[in-house]
Amino acid sequence: MGKINFKRILKFLGWWYIFSSFYAMFSVCPFCGKQGCPVCPASAGLVGGFFTFLMQNLKNFVEKLKIGFINVKTKIFKNVK
């Protein structure tokens, strides 16, 4: 079993808090349209978690896509003369 990376967990929780707070502060409930609805913090938590996940993992995903496209490109143009 690997070591737990507490720095990454704390970074995730910090960004999650920031995104969730920002979303909750400037939004209304997506279901009833009222601000301060009990559903709003739940949706803010989900949206905040989603954006935090993207923020932490999107860079690696984009790098893997670039490598994949470069490999495909080299294979295509390698056969063209």
PDB file of N, CA and C in Angstrom:
ATOM      1  N   MET A   1       0.846  -1.168   0.000  1.00  0.00           N
ATOM      2  CA  MET A   1       0.000   0.000   0.000  1.00  0.00           C
ATOM      3  C   MET A   1       0.893   1.233   0.000  1.00  0.00           C
ATOM      4  N   GLY A   2       0.580   2.229  -0.861  1.00  0.00           N
ATOM      5  CA  GLY A   2       1.399   3.423  -1.004  1.00  0.00           C
ATOM      6  C   GLY A   2       1.174   4.426   0.113  1.00  0.00           C
ATOM      7  N   LYS A   3       2.065   5.387   0.139  1.00  0.00           N
ATOM      8  CA  LYS A   3       1.944   6.450   1.131  1.00  0.00           C
ATOM      9  C   LYS A   3       0.807   7.391   0.751  1.00  0.00           C
ATOM     10  N   ILE A   4       0.166   7.940   1.761  1.00  0.00           N
ATOM     11  CA  ILE A   4      -0.905   8.903   1.534  1.00  0.00           C
ATOM     12  C   ILE A   4      -0.277  10.279   1.337  1.00  0.00           C
ATOM     13  N   ASN A   5      -0.653  10.948   0.267  1.00  0.00           N
ATOM     14  CA  ASN A   5      -0.117  12.259  -0.047  1.00  0.00           C
ATOM     15  C   ASN A   5      -1.037  13.315   0.582  1.00  0.00           C
ATOM     16  N   PHE A   6      -0.723  13.716   1.821  1.00  0.00           N
ATOM     17  CA  PHE A   6      -1.572  14.668   2.535  1.00  0.00           C
ATOM     18  C   PHE A   6      -1.559  16.047   1.895  1.00  0.00           C
ATOM     19  N   LYS A   7      -0.449  16.413   1.272  1.00  0.00           N
ATOM     20  CA  LYS A   7      -0.369  17.717   0.616  1.00  0.00           C
ATOM     21  C   LYS A   7      -1.399  17.800  -0.513  1.00  0.00           C
ATOM     22  N   ARG A   8      -1.509  16.735  -1.290  1.00  0.00           N
ATOM     23  CA  ARG A   8      -2.474  16.720  -2.397  1.00  0.00           C
ATOM     24  C   ARG A   8      -3.910  16.721  -1.868  1.00  0.00           C
ATOM     25  N   ILE A   9      -4.147  16.017  -0.771  1.00  0.00           N
ATOM     26  CA  ILE A   9      -5.496  15.980  -0.184  1.00  0.00           C
ATOM     27  C   ILE A   9      -5.876  17.358   0.348  1.00  0.00           C
ATOM     28  N   LEU A  10      -4.953  18.012   1.056  1.00  0.00           N
ATOM     29  CA  LEU A  10      -5.240  19.339   1.585  1.00  0.00           C
ATOM     30  C   LEU A  10      -5.427  20.366   0.470  1.00  0.00           C
ATOM     31  N   LYS A  11      -4.665  20.231  -0.586  1.00  0.00           N
ATOM     32  CA  LYS A  11      -4.824  21.119  -1.740  1.00  0.00           C
ATOM     33  C   LYS A  11      -6.199  20.916  -2.373  1.00  0.00           C
ATOM     34  N   PHE A  12      -6.614  19.655  -2.513  1.00  0.00           N
ATOM     35  CA  PHE A  12      -7.937  19.350  -3.061  1.00  0.00           C
ATOM     36  C   PHE A  12      -9.031  19.952  -2.189  1.00  0.00           C
ATOM     37  N   LEU A  13      -8.928  19.771  -0.866  1.00  0.00           N
ATOM     38  CA  LEU A  13      -9.950  20.302   0.042  1.00  0.00           C
ATOM     39  C   LEU A  13      -9.990  21.825   0.013  1.00  0.00           C
ATOM     40  N   GLY A  14      -8.840  22.459  -0.093  1.00  0.00           N
ATOM     41  CA  GLY A  14      -8.791  23.915  -0.168  1.00  0.00           C
ATOM     42  C   GLY A  14      -9.466  24.455  -1.416  1.00  0.00           C
ATOM     43  N   TRP A  15      -9.123  23.864  -2.565  1.00  0.00           N
ATOM     44  CA  TRP A  15      -9.751  24.313  -3.812  1.00  0.00           C
ATOM     45  C   TRP A  15     -11.232  23.976  -3.833  1.00  0.00           C
ATOM     46  N   TRP A  16     -11.603  22.853  -3.257  1.00  0.00           N
ATOM     47  CA  TRP A  16     -13.013  22.478  -3.191  1.00  0.00           C
ATOM     48  C   TRP A  16     -13.791  23.513  -2.385  1.00  0.00           C
ATOM     49  N   TYR A  17     -13.229  23.917  -1.269  1.00  0.00           N
ATOM     50  CA  TYR A  17     -13.869  24.938  -0.437  1.00  0.00           C
ATOM     51  C   TYR A  17     -14.017  26.251  -1.199  1.00  0.00           C
ATOM     52  N   ILE A  18     -12.972  26.651  -1.909  1.00  0.00           N
ATOM     53  CA  ILE A  18     -13.012  27.907  -2.667  1.00  0.00           C
ATOM     54  C   ILE A  18     -14.068  27.850  -3.756  1.00  0.00           C
ATOM     55  N   PHE A  19     -14.060  26.803  -4.570  1.00  0.00           N
ATOM     56  CA  PHE A  19     -15.033  26.700  -5.664  1.00  0.00           C
ATOM     57  C   PHE A  19     -16.458  26.571  -5.139  1.00  0.00           C
ATOM     58  N   SER A  20     -16.649  25.780  -4.088  1.00  0.00           N
ATOM     59  CA  SER A  20     -17.993  25.602  -3.530  1.00  0.00           C
ATOM     60  C   SER A  20     -18.519  26.901  -2.934  1.00  0.00           C
ATOM     61  N   SER A  21     -17.674  27.615  -2.225  1.00  0.00           N
ATOM     62  CA  SER A  21     -18.091  28.881  -1.629  1.00  0.00           C
ATOM     63  C   SER A  21     -18.429  29.910  -2.685  1.00  0.00           C
ATOM     64  N   PHE A  22     -17.604  29.991  -3.704  1.00  0.00           N
ATOM     65  CA  PHE A  22     -17.853  30.950  -4.776  1.00  0.00           C
ATOM     66  C   PHE A  22     -19.160  30.625  -5.490  1.00  0.00           C
ATOM     67  N   TYR A  23     -19.391  29.354  -5.761  1.00  0.00           N
ATOM     68  CA  TYR A  23     -20.620  28.929  -6.433  1.00  0.00           C
ATOM     69  C   TYR A  23     -21.844  29.217  -5.561  1.00  0.00           C
ATOM     70  N   ALA A  24     -21.760  28.917  -4.284  1.00  0.00           N
ATOM     71  CA  ALA A  24     -22.894  29.116  -3.386  1.00  0.00           C
ATOM     72  C   ALA A  24     -23.172  30.600  -3.149  1.00  0.00           C
ATOM     73  N   MET A  25     -22.130  31.415  -3.169  1.00  0.00           N
ATOM     74  CA  MET A  25     -22.299  32.830  -2.881  1.00  0.00           C
ATOM     75  C   MET A  25     -23.023  33.565  -4.011  1.00  0.00           C
ATOM     76  N   PHE A  26     -22.794  33.161  -5.241  1.00  0.00           N
ATOM     77  CA  PHE A  26     -23.354  33.876  -6.382  1.00  0.00           C
ATOM     78  C   PHE A  26     -24.391  33.078  -7.151  1.00  0.00           C
ATOM     79  N   SER A  27     -25.035  32.135  -6.508  1.00  0.00           N
ATOM     80  CA  SER A  27     -25.999  31.329  -7.252  1.00  0.00           C
ATOM     81  C   SER A  27     -27.280  31.145  -6.464  1.00  0.00           C
ATOM     82  N   VAL A  28     -28.249  30.629  -7.167  1.00  0.00           N
ATOM     83  CA  VAL A  28     -29.517  30.245  -6.552  1.00  0.00           C
ATOM     84  C   VAL A  28     -29.683  28.746  -6.756  1.00  0.00           C
ATOM     85  N   CYS A  29     -30.617  28.169  -6.052  1.00  0.00           N
ATOM     86  CA  CYS A  29     -30.859  26.737  -6.155  1.00  0.00           C
ATOM     87  C   CYS A  29     -31.279  26.386  -7.585  1.00  0.00           C
ATOM     88  N   PRO A  30     -30.657  25.374  -8.186  1.00  0.00           N
ATOM     89  CA  PRO A  30     -31.034  25.012  -9.552  1.00  0.00           C
ATOM     90  C   PRO A  30     -32.408  24.344  -9.639  1.00  0.00           C
ATOM     91  N   PHE A  31     -32.970  23.968  -8.497  1.00  0.00           N
ATOM     92  CA  PHE A  31     -34.244  23.257  -8.509  1.00  0.00           C
ATOM     93  C   PHE A  31     -35.432  24.155  -8.198  1.00  0.00           C
ATOM     94  N   CYS A  32     -35.304  25.005  -7.140  1.00  0.00           N
ATOM     95  CA  CYS A  32     -36.447  25.838  -6.756  1.00  0.00           C
ATOM     96  C   CYS A  32     -36.255  27.308  -7.097  1.00  0.00           C
ATOM     97  N   GLY A  33     -35.032  27.741  -7.391  1.00  0.00           N
ATOM     98  CA  GLY A  33     -34.786  29.122  -7.770  1.00  0.00           C
ATOM     99  C   GLY A  33     -34.578  30.079  -6.614  1.00  0.00           C
ATOM    100  N   LYS A  34     -34.534  29.589  -5.397  1.00  0.00           N
ATOM    101  CA  LYS A  34     -34.351  30.456  -4.231  1.00  0.00           C
ATOM    102  C   LYS A  34     -32.905  30.390  -3.757  1.00  0.00           C
ATOM    103  N   GLN A  35     -32.448  31.521  -3.221  1.00  0.00           N
ATOM    104  CA  GLN A  35     -31.111  31.523  -2.642  1.00  0.00           C
ATOM    105  C   GLN A  35     -31.217  31.067  -1.188  1.00  0.00           C
ATOM    106  N   GLY A  36     -30.298  30.248  -0.750  1.00  0.00           N
ATOM    107  CA  GLY A  36     -30.307  29.756   0.619  1.00  0.00           C
ATOM    108  C   GLY A  36     -31.107  28.481   0.806  1.00  0.00           C
ATOM    109  N   CYS A  37     -31.528  27.872  -0.269  1.00  0.00           N
ATOM    110  CA  CYS A  37     -32.246  26.604  -0.205  1.00  0.00           C
ATOM    111  C   CYS A  37     -31.295  25.517   0.313  1.00  0.00           C
ATOM    112  N   PRO A  38     -31.779  24.527   1.054  1.00  0.00           N
ATOM    113  CA  PRO A  38     -30.894  23.464   1.543  1.00  0.00           C
ATOM    114  C   PRO A  38     -30.263  22.625   0.433  1.00  0.00           C
ATOM    115  N   VAL A  39     -30.858  22.633  -0.734  1.00  0.00           N
ATOM    116  CA  VAL A  39     -30.295  21.869  -1.849  1.00  0.00           C
ATOM    117  C   VAL A  39     -29.083  22.595  -2.432  1.00  0.00           C
ATOM    118  N   CYS A  40     -29.052  23.913  -2.313  1.00  0.00           N
ATOM    119  CA  CYS A  40     -27.970  24.712  -2.898  1.00  0.00           C
ATOM    120  C   CYS A  40     -26.586  24.314  -2.376  1.00  0.00           C
ATOM    121  N   PRO A  41     -26.383  24.115  -1.058  1.00  0.00           N
ATOM    122  CA  PRO A  41     -25.045  23.686  -0.623  1.00  0.00           C
ATOM    123  C   PRO A  41     -24.635  22.322  -1.165  1.00  0.00           C
ATOM    124  N   ALA A  42     -25.590  21.437  -1.334  1.00  0.00           N
ATOM    125  CA  ALA A  42     -25.264  20.124  -1.899  1.00  0.00           C
ATOM    126  C   ALA A  42     -24.827  20.254  -3.351  1.00  0.00           C
ATOM    127  N   SER A  43     -25.557  21.047  -4.127  1.00  0.00           N
ATOM    128  CA  SER A  43     -25.169  21.226  -5.528  1.00  0.00           C
ATOM    129  C   SER A  43     -23.859  22.002  -5.615  1.00  0.00           C
ATOM    130  N   ALA A  44     -23.650  22.967  -4.705  1.00  0.00           N
ATOM    131  CA  ALA A  44     -22.386  23.708  -4.694  1.00  0.00           C
ATOM    132  C   ALA A  44     -21.219  22.774  -4.366  1.00  0.00           C
ATOM    133  N   GLY A  45     -21.438  21.834  -3.466  1.00  0.00           N
ATOM    134  CA  GLY A  45     -20.388  20.866  -3.141  1.00  0.00           C
ATOM    135  C   GLY A  45     -20.045  19.975  -4.317  1.00  0.00           C
ATOM    136  N   LEU A  46     -21.063  19.535  -5.044  1.00  0.00           N
ATOM    137  CA  LEU A  46     -20.816  18.700  -6.226  1.00  0.00           C
ATOM    138  C   LEU A  46     -20.085  19.475  -7.313  1.00  0.00           C
ATOM    139  N   VAL A  47     -20.553  20.687  -7.586  1.00  0.00           N
ATOM    140  CA  VAL A  47     -19.915  21.492  -8.625  1.00  0.00           C
ATOM    141  C   VAL A  47     -18.491  21.849  -8.213  1.00  0.00           C
ATOM    142  N   GLY A  48     -18.302  22.214  -6.941  1.00  0.00           N
ATOM    143  CA  GLY A  48     -16.959  22.527  -6.453  1.00  0.00           C
ATOM    144  C   GLY A  48     -16.019  21.339  -6.545  1.00  0.00           C
ATOM    145  N   GLY A  49     -16.516  20.160  -6.195  1.00  0.00           N
ATOM    146  CA  GLY A  49     -15.701  18.958  -6.311  1.00  0.00           C
ATOM    147  C   GLY A  49     -15.337  18.632  -7.744  1.00  0.00           C
ATOM    148  N   PHE A  50     -16.288  18.832  -8.651  1.00  0.00           N
ATOM    149  CA  PHE A  50     -16.044  18.565 -10.069  1.00  0.00           C
ATOM    150  C   PHE A  50     -14.961  19.490 -10.620  1.00  0.00           C
ATOM    151  N   PHE A  51     -15.089  20.797 -10.352  1.00  0.00           N
ATOM    152  CA  PHE A  51     -14.100  21.742 -10.859  1.00  0.00           C
ATOM    153  C   PHE A  51     -12.730  21.549 -10.203  1.00  0.00           C
ATOM    154  N   THR A  52     -12.721  21.165  -8.944  1.00  0.00           N
ATOM    155  CA  THR A  52     -11.451  20.883  -8.273  1.00  0.00           C
ATOM    156  C   THR A  52     -10.781  19.664  -8.889  1.00  0.00           C
ATOM    157  N   PHE A  53     -11.561  18.633  -9.170  1.00  0.00           N
ATOM    158  CA  PHE A  53     -11.020  17.439  -9.821  1.00  0.00           C
ATOM    159  C   PHE A  53     -10.427  17.795 -11.179  1.00  0.00           C
ATOM    160  N   LEU A  54     -11.158  18.617 -11.946  1.00  0.00           N
ATOM    161  CA  LEU A  54     -10.639  19.034 -13.245  1.00  0.00           C
ATOM    162  C   LEU A  54      -9.353  19.837 -13.097  1.00  0.00           C
ATOM    163  N   MET A  55      -9.331  20.724 -12.112  1.00  0.00           N
ATOM    164  CA  MET A  55      -8.159  21.573 -11.924  1.00  0.00           C
ATOM    165  C   MET A  55      -6.926  20.749 -11.574  1.00  0.00           C
ATOM    166  N   GLN A  56      -7.094  19.732 -10.752  1.00  0.00           N
ATOM    167  CA  GLN A  56      -5.947  18.933 -10.334  1.00  0.00           C
ATOM    168  C   GLN A  56      -5.536  17.900 -11.384  1.00  0.00           C
ATOM    169  N   ASN A  57      -6.461  17.420 -12.165  1.00  0.00           N
ATOM    170  CA  ASN A  57      -6.146  16.309 -13.073  1.00  0.00           C
ATOM    171  C   ASN A  57      -6.176  16.678 -14.550  1.00  0.00           C
ATOM    172  N   LEU A  58      -6.616  17.876 -14.896  1.00  0.00           N
ATOM    173  CA  LEU A  58      -6.728  18.243 -16.301  1.00  0.00           C
ATOM    174  C   LEU A  58      -5.367  18.368 -16.975  1.00  0.00           C
ATOM    175  N   LYS A  59      -4.373  18.843 -16.242  1.00  0.00           N
ATOM    176  CA  LYS A  59      -3.039  19.006 -16.826  1.00  0.00           C
ATOM    177  C   LYS A  59      -2.482  17.654 -17.278  1.00  0.00           C
ATOM    178  N   ASN A  60      -2.590  16.641 -16.446  1.00  0.00           N
ATOM    179  CA  ASN A  60      -2.109  15.315 -16.823  1.00  0.00           C
ATOM    180  C   ASN A  60      -2.900  14.759 -17.996  1.00  0.00           C
ATOM    181  N   PHE A  61      -4.214  14.989 -18.003  1.00  0.00           N
ATOM    182  CA  PHE A  61      -5.056  14.506 -19.083  1.00  0.00           C
ATOM    183  C   PHE A  61      -4.673  15.158 -20.404  1.00  0.00           C
ATOM    184  N   VAL A  62      -4.448  16.473 -20.388  1.00  0.00           N
ATOM    185  CA  VAL A  62      -4.069  17.192 -21.612  1.00  0.00           C
ATOM    186  C   VAL A  62      -2.700  16.727 -22.097  1.00  0.00           C
ATOM    187  N   GLU A  63      -1.773  16.508 -21.188  1.00  0.00           N
ATOM    188  CA  GLU A  63      -0.454  16.022 -21.587  1.00  0.00           C
ATOM    189  C   GLU A  63      -0.538  14.646 -22.241  1.00  0.00           C
ATOM    190  N   LYS A  64      -1.367  13.765 -21.702  1.00  0.00           N
ATOM    191  CA  LYS A  64      -1.537  12.440 -22.301  1.00  0.00           C
ATOM    192  C   LYS A  64      -2.181  12.532 -23.680  1.00  0.00           C
ATOM    193  N   LEU A  65      -3.138  13.455 -23.838  1.00  0.00           N
ATOM    194  CA  LEU A  65      -3.741  13.660 -25.156  1.00  0.00           C
ATOM    195  C   LEU A  65      -2.708  14.159 -26.157  1.00  0.00           C
ATOM    196  N   LYS A  66      -1.863  15.109 -25.754  1.00  0.00           N
ATOM    197  CA  LYS A  66      -0.825  15.623 -26.646  1.00  0.00           C
ATOM    198  C   LYS A  66       0.111  14.511 -27.089  1.00  0.00           C
ATOM    199  N   ILE A  67       0.544  13.699 -26.133  1.00  0.00           N
ATOM    200  CA  ILE A  67       1.445  12.596 -26.463  1.00  0.00           C
ATOM    201  C   ILE A  67       0.764  11.625 -27.429  1.00  0.00           C
ATOM    202  N   GLY A  68      -0.504  11.338 -27.194  1.00  0.00           N
ATOM    203  CA  GLY A  68      -1.243  10.447 -28.080  1.00  0.00           C
ATOM    204  C   GLY A  68      -1.368  11.013 -29.486  1.00  0.00           C
ATOM    205  N   PHE A  69      -1.690  12.311 -29.593  1.00  0.00           N
ATOM    206  CA  PHE A  69      -1.808  12.929 -30.911  1.00  0.00           C
ATOM    207  C   PHE A  69      -0.466  12.990 -31.622  1.00  0.00           C
ATOM    208  N   ILE A  70       0.589  13.261 -30.875  1.00  0.00           N
ATOM    209  CA  ILE A  70       1.918  13.303 -31.483  1.00  0.00           C
ATOM    210  C   ILE A  70       2.302  11.926 -31.997  1.00  0.00           C
ATOM    211  N   ASN A  71       2.010  10.877 -31.240  1.00  0.00           N
ATOM    212  CA  ASN A  71       2.322   9.516 -31.684  1.00  0.00           C
ATOM    213  C   ASN A  71       1.542   9.150 -32.935  1.00  0.00           C
ATOM    214  N   VAL A  72       0.258   9.514 -32.973  1.00  0.00           N
ATOM    215  CA  VAL A  72      -0.559   9.219 -34.150  1.00  0.00           C
ATOM    216  C   VAL A  72      -0.055  10.003 -35.347  1.00  0.00           C
ATOM    217  N   LYS A  73       0.293  11.258 -35.128  1.00  0.00           N
ATOM    218  CA  LYS A  73       0.786  12.115 -36.206  1.00  0.00           C
ATOM    219  C   LYS A  73       2.084  11.571 -36.788  1.00  0.00           C
ATOM    220  N   THR A  74       2.998  11.138 -35.950  1.00  0.00           N
ATOM    221  CA  THR A  74       4.261  10.607 -36.433  1.00  0.00           C
ATOM    222  C   THR A  74       4.050   9.291 -37.197  1.00  0.00           C
ATOM    223  N   LYS A  75       3.106   8.484 -36.748  1.00  0.00           N
ATOM    224  CA  LYS A  75       2.821   7.230 -37.447  1.00  0.00           C
ATOM    225  C   LYS A  75       2.222   7.498 -38.825  1.00  0.00           C
ATOM    226  N   ILE A  76       1.357   8.497 -38.919  1.00  0.00           N
ATOM    227  CA  ILE A  76       0.715   8.816 -40.204  1.00  0.00           C
ATOM    228  C   ILE A  76       1.739   9.356 -41.179  1.00  0.00           C
ATOM    229  N   PHE A  77       2.540  10.359 -40.734  1.00  0.00           N
ATOM    230  CA  PHE A  77       3.466  11.001 -41.637  1.00  0.00           C
ATOM    231  C   PHE A  77       4.735  10.184 -41.857  1.00  0.00           C
ATOM    232  N   LYS A  78       4.950   9.164 -41.074  1.00  0.00           N
ATOM    233  CA  LYS A  78       6.105   8.301 -41.274  1.00  0.00           C
ATOM    234  C   LYS A  78       5.922   7.474 -42.545  1.00  0.00           C
ATOM    235  N   ASN A  79       4.693   7.085 -42.824  1.00  0.00           N
ATOM    236  CA  ASN A  79       4.401   6.269 -43.991  1.00  0.00           C
ATOM    237  C   ASN A  79       4.241   7.101 -45.264  1.00  0.00           C
ATOM    238  N   VAL A  80       4.036   8.401 -45.148  1.00  0.00           N
ATOM    239  CA  VAL A  80       3.859   9.285 -46.311  1.00  0.00           C
ATOM    240  C   VAL A  80       5.225   9.729 -46.789  1.00  0.00           C
ATOM    241  N   LYS A  81       5.457   9.598 -48.096  1.00  0.00           N
ATOM    242  CA  LYS A  81       6.756  10.023 -48.651  1.00  0.00           C
ATOM    243  C   LYS A  81       6.560  10.946 -49.813  1.00  0.00           C
TER     244      LYS A  81
END
